Amino acid sequence: MAQIGSVLSGRYRLIELLGQGGMATIYRANDSQLGRDVAVKLLRPEYGRDPDFGERFRHEAQAAA
């Protein structure tokens, strides 16, 4: 699990844990490029290794954006 306060991809500073599920953890983060808060969903490692699942996850993220 990522640490609150850490910065992901040089852009997203994690502020608080919003929720956890069987497949992912969701955080409120601040996007330093946009200057606003966003939701960041991090896949559990076992799902991140499956290329098909990763592609579905990317499609879900694009649809939600």
PDB file of N, CA and C in Angstrom:
ATOM      1  N   MET A   1       0.849  -1.176   0.000  1.00  0.00           N
ATOM      2  CA  MET A   1       0.000   0.000   0.000  1.00  0.00           C
ATOM      3  C   MET A   1       0.894   1.239   0.000  1.00  0.00           C
ATOM      4  N   ALA A   2       0.513   2.247  -0.769  1.00  0.00           N
ATOM      5  CA  ALA A   2       1.263   3.497  -0.858  1.00  0.00           C
ATOM      6  C   ALA A   2       1.107   4.292   0.440  1.00  0.00           C
ATOM      7  N   GLN A   3       2.064   5.146   0.717  1.00  0.00           N
ATOM      8  CA  GLN A   3       2.061   5.943   1.942  1.00  0.00           C
ATOM      9  C   GLN A   3       1.440   7.318   1.700  1.00  0.00           C
ATOM     10  N   ILE A   4       0.606   7.754   2.633  1.00  0.00           N
ATOM     11  CA  ILE A   4       0.056   9.105   2.581  1.00  0.00           C
ATOM     12  C   ILE A   4       1.229  10.087   2.583  1.00  0.00           C
ATOM     13  N   GLY A   5       1.160  11.091   1.727  1.00  0.00           N
ATOM     14  CA  GLY A   5       2.232  12.072   1.613  1.00  0.00           C
ATOM     15  C   GLY A   5       3.218  11.765   0.505  1.00  0.00           C
ATOM     16  N   SER A   6       3.223  10.517   0.030  1.00  0.00           N
ATOM     17  CA  SER A   6       4.139  10.180  -1.062  1.00  0.00           C
ATOM     18  C   SER A   6       3.616  10.755  -2.373  1.00  0.00           C
ATOM     19  N   VAL A   7       4.537  10.936  -3.329  1.00  0.00           N
ATOM     20  CA  VAL A   7       4.196  11.506  -4.632  1.00  0.00           C
ATOM     21  C   VAL A   7       4.358  10.421  -5.685  1.00  0.00           C
ATOM     22  N   LEU A   8       3.316  10.220  -6.474  1.00  0.00           N
ATOM     23  CA  LEU A   8       3.324   9.210  -7.528  1.00  0.00           C
ATOM     24  C   LEU A   8       3.529   9.882  -8.876  1.00  0.00           C
ATOM     25  N   SER A   9       4.369   9.306  -9.691  1.00  0.00           N
ATOM     26  CA  SER A   9       4.636   9.803 -11.052  1.00  0.00           C
ATOM     27  C   SER A   9       5.061  11.270 -11.062  1.00  0.00           C
ATOM     28  N   GLY A  10       5.668  11.724  -9.962  1.00  0.00           N
ATOM     29  CA  GLY A  10       6.128  13.096  -9.890  1.00  0.00           C
ATOM     30  C   GLY A  10       5.020  14.127  -9.926  1.00  0.00           C
ATOM     31  N   ARG A  11       3.794  13.692  -9.683  1.00  0.00           N
ATOM     32  CA  ARG A  11       2.648  14.569  -9.910  1.00  0.00           C
ATOM     33  C   ARG A  11       1.557  14.475  -8.845  1.00  0.00           C
ATOM     34  N   TYR A  12       1.263  13.290  -8.355  1.00  0.00           N
ATOM     35  CA  TYR A  12       0.105  13.074  -7.481  1.00  0.00           C
ATOM     36  C   TYR A  12       0.557  12.856  -6.038  1.00  0.00           C
ATOM     37  N   ARG A  13       0.296  13.831  -5.161  1.00  0.00           N
ATOM     38  CA  ARG A  13       0.630  13.683  -3.740  1.00  0.00           C
ATOM     39  C   ARG A  13      -0.578  13.085  -3.032  1.00  0.00           C
ATOM     40  N   LEU A  14      -0.386  11.912  -2.420  1.00  0.00           N
ATOM     41  CA  LEU A  14      -1.480  11.224  -1.738  1.00  0.00           C
ATOM     42  C   LEU A  14      -1.837  11.960  -0.453  1.00  0.00           C
ATOM     43  N   ILE A  15      -3.134  12.231  -0.297  1.00  0.00           N
ATOM     44  CA  ILE A  15      -3.622  13.008   0.841  1.00  0.00           C
ATOM     45  C   ILE A  15      -4.329  12.125   1.865  1.00  0.00           C
ATOM     46  N   GLU A  16      -5.231  11.264   1.391  1.00  0.00           N
ATOM     47  CA  GLU A  16      -5.948  10.391   2.328  1.00  0.00           C
ATOM     48  C   GLU A  16      -6.453   9.147   1.614  1.00  0.00           C
ATOM     49  N   LEU A  17      -6.589   8.095   2.398  1.00  0.00           N
ATOM     50  CA  LEU A  17      -7.151   6.844   1.899  1.00  0.00           C
ATOM     51  C   LEU A  17      -8.665   6.987   1.866  1.00  0.00           C
ATOM     52  N   LEU A  18      -9.262   6.724   0.704  1.00  0.00           N
ATOM     53  CA  LEU A  18     -10.719   6.817   0.575  1.00  0.00           C
ATOM     54  C   LEU A  18     -11.394   5.462   0.704  1.00  0.00           C
ATOM     55  N   GLY A  19     -10.735   4.418   0.223  1.00  0.00           N
ATOM     56  CA  GLY A  19     -11.351   3.106   0.299  1.00  0.00           C
ATOM     57  C   GLY A  19     -10.452   2.019  -0.244  1.00  0.00           C
ATOM     58  N   GLN A  20     -10.784   0.788   0.126  1.00  0.00           N
ATOM     59  CA  GLN A  20     -10.048  -0.380  -0.342  1.00  0.00           C
ATOM     60  C   GLN A  20     -11.042  -1.440  -0.767  1.00  0.00           C
ATOM     61  N   GLY A  21     -10.680  -2.149  -1.810  1.00  0.00           N
ATOM     62  CA  GLY A  21     -11.504  -3.250  -2.266  1.00  0.00           C
ATOM     63  C   GLY A  21     -10.623  -4.443  -2.570  1.00  0.00           C
ATOM     64  N   GLY A  22     -11.217  -5.449  -3.148  1.00  0.00           N
ATOM     65  CA  GLY A  22     -10.473  -6.650  -3.478  1.00  0.00           C
ATOM     66  C   GLY A  22      -9.454  -6.448  -4.576  1.00  0.00           C
ATOM     67  N   MET A  23      -9.676  -5.453  -5.440  1.00  0.00           N
ATOM     68  CA  MET A  23      -8.786  -5.256  -6.585  1.00  0.00           C
ATOM     69  C   MET A  23      -7.932  -4.002  -6.502  1.00  0.00           C
ATOM     70  N   ALA A  24      -8.322  -3.013  -5.705  1.00  0.00           N
ATOM     71  CA  ALA A  24      -7.606  -1.738  -5.733  1.00  0.00           C
ATOM     72  C   ALA A  24      -7.796  -0.960  -4.435  1.00  0.00           C
ATOM     73  N   THR A  25      -6.953   0.059  -4.285  1.00  0.00           N
ATOM     74  CA  THR A  25      -7.039   1.016  -3.190  1.00  0.00           C
ATOM     75  C   THR A  25      -7.219   2.394  -3.817  1.00  0.00           C
ATOM     76  N   ILE A  26      -8.103   3.203  -3.236  1.00  0.00           N
ATOM     77  CA  ILE A  26      -8.407   4.516  -3.802  1.00  0.00           C
ATOM     78  C   ILE A  26      -8.004   5.599  -2.805  1.00  0.00           C
ATOM     79  N   TYR A  27      -7.302   6.600  -3.324  1.00  0.00           N
ATOM     80  CA  TYR A  27      -6.811   7.712  -2.521  1.00  0.00           C
ATOM     81  C   TYR A  27      -7.328   9.037  -3.067  1.00  0.00           C
ATOM     82  N   ARG A  28      -7.461  10.009  -2.174  1.00  0.00           N
ATOM     83  CA  ARG A  28      -7.595  11.403  -2.607  1.00  0.00           C
ATOM     84  C   ARG A  28      -6.174  11.911  -2.724  1.00  0.00           C
ATOM     85  N   ALA A  29      -5.885  12.560  -3.837  1.00  0.00           N
ATOM     86  CA  ALA A  29      -4.540  13.068  -4.089  1.00  0.00           C
ATOM     87  C   ALA A  29      -4.632  14.461  -4.678  1.00  0.00           C
ATOM     88  N   ASN A  30      -3.542  15.203  -4.574  1.00  0.00           N
ATOM     89  CA  ASN A  30      -3.475  16.505  -5.219  1.00  0.00           C
ATOM     90  C   ASN A  30      -2.622  16.371  -6.463  1.00  0.00           C
ATOM     91  N   ASP A  31      -3.170  16.800  -7.590  1.00  0.00           N
ATOM     92  CA  ASP A  31      -2.463  16.786  -8.873  1.00  0.00           C
ATOM     93  C   ASP A  31      -1.719  18.114  -8.982  1.00  0.00           C
ATOM     94  N   SER A  32      -0.394  18.077  -8.904  1.00  0.00           N
ATOM     95  CA  SER A  32       0.394  19.314  -8.908  1.00  0.00           C
ATOM     96  C   SER A  32       0.340  20.032 -10.249  1.00  0.00           C
ATOM     97  N   GLN A  33       0.061  19.326 -11.327  1.00  0.00           N
ATOM     98  CA  GLN A  33      -0.016  19.977 -12.638  1.00  0.00           C
ATOM     99  C   GLN A  33      -1.348  20.693 -12.836  1.00  0.00           C
ATOM    100  N   LEU A  34      -2.421  20.110 -12.320  1.00  0.00           N
ATOM    101  CA  LEU A  34      -3.744  20.730 -12.458  1.00  0.00           C
ATOM    102  C   LEU A  34      -4.086  21.646 -11.290  1.00  0.00           C
ATOM    103  N   GLY A  35      -3.375  21.469 -10.164  1.00  0.00           N
ATOM    104  CA  GLY A  35      -3.646  22.286  -8.987  1.00  0.00           C
ATOM    105  C   GLY A  35      -4.975  21.975  -8.336  1.00  0.00           C
ATOM    106  N   ARG A  36      -5.387  20.718  -8.370  1.00  0.00           N
ATOM    107  CA  ARG A  36      -6.664  20.344  -7.746  1.00  0.00           C
ATOM    108  C   ARG A  36      -6.593  18.909  -7.242  1.00  0.00           C
ATOM    109  N   ASP A  37      -7.566  18.560  -6.403  1.00  0.00           N
ATOM    110  CA  ASP A  37      -7.629  17.204  -5.877  1.00  0.00           C
ATOM    111  C   ASP A  37      -8.270  16.271  -6.892  1.00  0.00           C
ATOM    112  N   VAL A  38      -7.781  15.047  -6.909  1.00  0.00           N
ATOM    113  CA  VAL A  38      -8.270  14.007  -7.808  1.00  0.00           C
ATOM    114  C   VAL A  38      -8.331  12.695  -7.035  1.00  0.00           C
ATOM    115  N   ALA A  39      -8.984  11.707  -7.611  1.00  0.00           N
ATOM    116  CA  ALA A  39      -8.975  10.356  -7.057  1.00  0.00           C
ATOM    117  C   ALA A  39      -7.916   9.552  -7.802  1.00  0.00           C
ATOM    118  N   VAL A  40      -7.140   8.775  -7.045  1.00  0.00           N
ATOM    119  CA  VAL A  40      -6.119   7.898  -7.621  1.00  0.00           C
ATOM    120  C   VAL A  40      -6.448   6.476  -7.184  1.00  0.00           C
ATOM    121  N   LYS A  41      -6.595   5.596  -8.153  1.00  0.00           N
ATOM    122  CA  LYS A  41      -6.916   4.197  -7.883  1.00  0.00           C
ATOM    123  C   LYS A  41      -5.688   3.356  -8.214  1.00  0.00           C
ATOM    124  N   LEU A  42      -5.176   2.642  -7.216  1.00  0.00           N
ATOM    125  CA  LEU A  42      -3.987   1.814  -7.397  1.00  0.00           C
ATOM    126  C   LEU A  42      -4.370   0.340  -7.345  1.00  0.00           C
ATOM    127  N   LEU A  43      -4.056  -0.366  -8.408  1.00  0.00           N
ATOM    128  CA  LEU A  43      -4.334  -1.801  -8.472  1.00  0.00           C
ATOM    129  C   LEU A  43      -3.467  -2.577  -7.495  1.00  0.00           C
ATOM    130  N   ARG A  44      -4.009  -3.646  -6.963  1.00  0.00           N
ATOM    131  CA  ARG A  44      -3.201  -4.572  -6.169  1.00  0.00           C
ATOM    132  C   ARG A  44      -2.187  -5.217  -7.106  1.00  0.00           C
ATOM    133  N   PRO A  45      -0.986  -5.505  -6.631  1.00  0.00           N
ATOM    134  CA  PRO A  45       0.082  -6.019  -7.501  1.00  0.00           C
ATOM    135  C   PRO A  45      -0.298  -7.256  -8.311  1.00  0.00           C
ATOM    136  N   GLU A  46      -1.057  -8.158  -7.732  1.00  0.00           N
ATOM    137  CA  GLU A  46      -1.394  -9.386  -8.467  1.00  0.00           C
ATOM    138  C   GLU A  46      -2.258  -9.113  -9.697  1.00  0.00           C
ATOM    139  N   TYR A  47      -3.034  -8.034  -9.672  1.00  0.00           N
ATOM    140  CA  TYR A  47      -3.838  -7.679 -10.842  1.00  0.00           C
ATOM    141  C   TYR A  47      -3.022  -6.885 -11.857  1.00  0.00           C
ATOM    142  N   GLY A  48      -2.056  -6.132 -11.380  1.00  0.00           N
ATOM    143  CA  GLY A  48      -1.224  -5.336 -12.264  1.00  0.00           C
ATOM    144  C   GLY A  48      -0.349  -6.172 -13.182  1.00  0.00           C
ATOM    145  N   ARG A  49      -0.114  -7.425 -12.825  1.00  0.00           N
ATOM    146  CA  ARG A  49       0.714  -8.312 -13.653  1.00  0.00           C
ATOM    147  C   ARG A  49      -0.046  -8.927 -14.814  1.00  0.00           C
ATOM    148  N   ASP A  50      -1.355  -8.850 -14.798  1.00  0.00           N
ATOM    149  CA  ASP A  50      -2.189  -9.434 -15.857  1.00  0.00           C
ATOM    150  C   ASP A  50      -2.427  -8.373 -16.931  1.00  0.00           C
ATOM    151  N   PRO A  51      -1.824  -8.519 -18.127  1.00  0.00           N
ATOM    152  CA  PRO A  51      -1.953  -7.479 -19.159  1.00  0.00           C
ATOM    153  C   PRO A  51      -3.397  -7.224 -19.591  1.00  0.00           C
ATOM    154  N   ASP A  52      -4.225  -8.265 -19.645  1.00  0.00           N
ATOM    155  CA  ASP A  52      -5.629  -8.078 -20.031  1.00  0.00           C
ATOM    156  C   ASP A  52      -6.373  -7.256 -18.985  1.00  0.00           C
ATOM    157  N   PHE A  53      -6.134  -7.564 -17.719  1.00  0.00           N
ATOM    158  CA  PHE A  53      -6.787  -6.819 -16.651  1.00  0.00           C
ATOM    159  C   PHE A  53      -6.309  -5.373 -16.655  1.00  0.00           C
ATOM    160  N   GLY A  54      -5.021  -5.169 -16.869  1.00  0.00           N
ATOM    161  CA  GLY A  54      -4.477  -3.813 -16.929  1.00  0.00           C
ATOM    162  C   GLY A  54      -5.125  -2.987 -18.018  1.00  0.00           C
ATOM    163  N   GLU A  55      -5.381  -3.599 -19.155  1.00  0.00           N
ATOM    164  CA  GLU A  55      -6.030  -2.888 -20.264  1.00  0.00           C
ATOM    165  C   GLU A  55      -7.468  -2.509 -19.895  1.00  0.00           C
ATOM    166  N   ARG A  56      -8.202  -3.409 -19.260  1.00  0.00           N
ATOM    167  CA  ARG A  56      -9.567  -3.097 -18.814  1.00  0.00           C
ATOM    168  C   ARG A  56      -9.551  -1.962 -17.782  1.00  0.00           C
ATOM    169  N   PHE A  57      -8.558  -2.002 -16.902  1.00  0.00           N
ATOM    170  CA  PHE A  57      -8.415  -0.962 -15.887  1.00  0.00           C
ATOM    171  C   PHE A  57      -8.177   0.397 -16.546  1.00  0.00           C
ATOM    172  N   ARG A  58      -7.338   0.453 -17.571  1.00  0.00           N
ATOM    173  CA  ARG A  58      -7.076   1.706 -18.285  1.00  0.00           C
ATOM    174  C   ARG A  58      -8.343   2.234 -18.958  1.00  0.00           C
ATOM    175  N   HIS A  59      -9.126   1.339 -19.554  1.00  0.00           N
ATOM    176  CA  HIS A  59     -10.381   1.758 -20.191  1.00  0.00           C
ATOM    177  C   HIS A  59     -11.347   2.328 -19.154  1.00  0.00           C
ATOM    178  N   GLU A  60     -11.418   1.689 -17.992  1.00  0.00           N
ATOM    179  CA  GLU A  60     -12.288   2.180 -16.918  1.00  0.00           C
ATOM    180  C   GLU A  60     -11.843   3.577 -16.479  1.00  0.00           C
ATOM    181  N   ALA A  61     -10.541   3.778 -16.338  1.00  0.00           N
ATOM    182  CA  ALA A  61     -10.018   5.081 -15.913  1.00  0.00           C
ATOM    183  C   ALA A  61     -10.320   6.160 -16.946  1.00  0.00           C
ATOM    184  N   GLN A  62     -10.177   5.837 -18.212  1.00  0.00           N
ATOM    185  CA  GLN A  62     -10.464   6.813 -19.265  1.00  0.00           C
ATOM    186  C   GLN A  62     -11.944   7.174 -19.288  1.00  0.00           C
ATOM    187  N   ALA A  63     -12.802   6.198 -19.066  1.00  0.00           N
ATOM    188  CA  ALA A  63     -14.241   6.457 -19.059  1.00  0.00           C
ATOM    189  C   ALA A  63     -14.634   7.347 -17.879  1.00  0.00           C
ATOM    190  N   ALA A  64     -13.949   7.184 -16.752  1.00  0.00           N
ATOM    191  CA  ALA A  64     -14.277   7.956 -15.555  1.00  0.00           C
ATOM    192  C   ALA A  64     -13.690   9.366 -15.584  1.00  0.00           C
ATOM    193  N   ALA A  65     -12.692   9.577 -16.406  1.00  0.00           N
ATOM    194  CA  ALA A  65     -11.975  10.876 -16.402  1.00  0.00           C
ATOM    195  C   ALA A  65     -12.786  11.997 -17.024  1.00  0.00           C
TER     196      ALA A  65
END
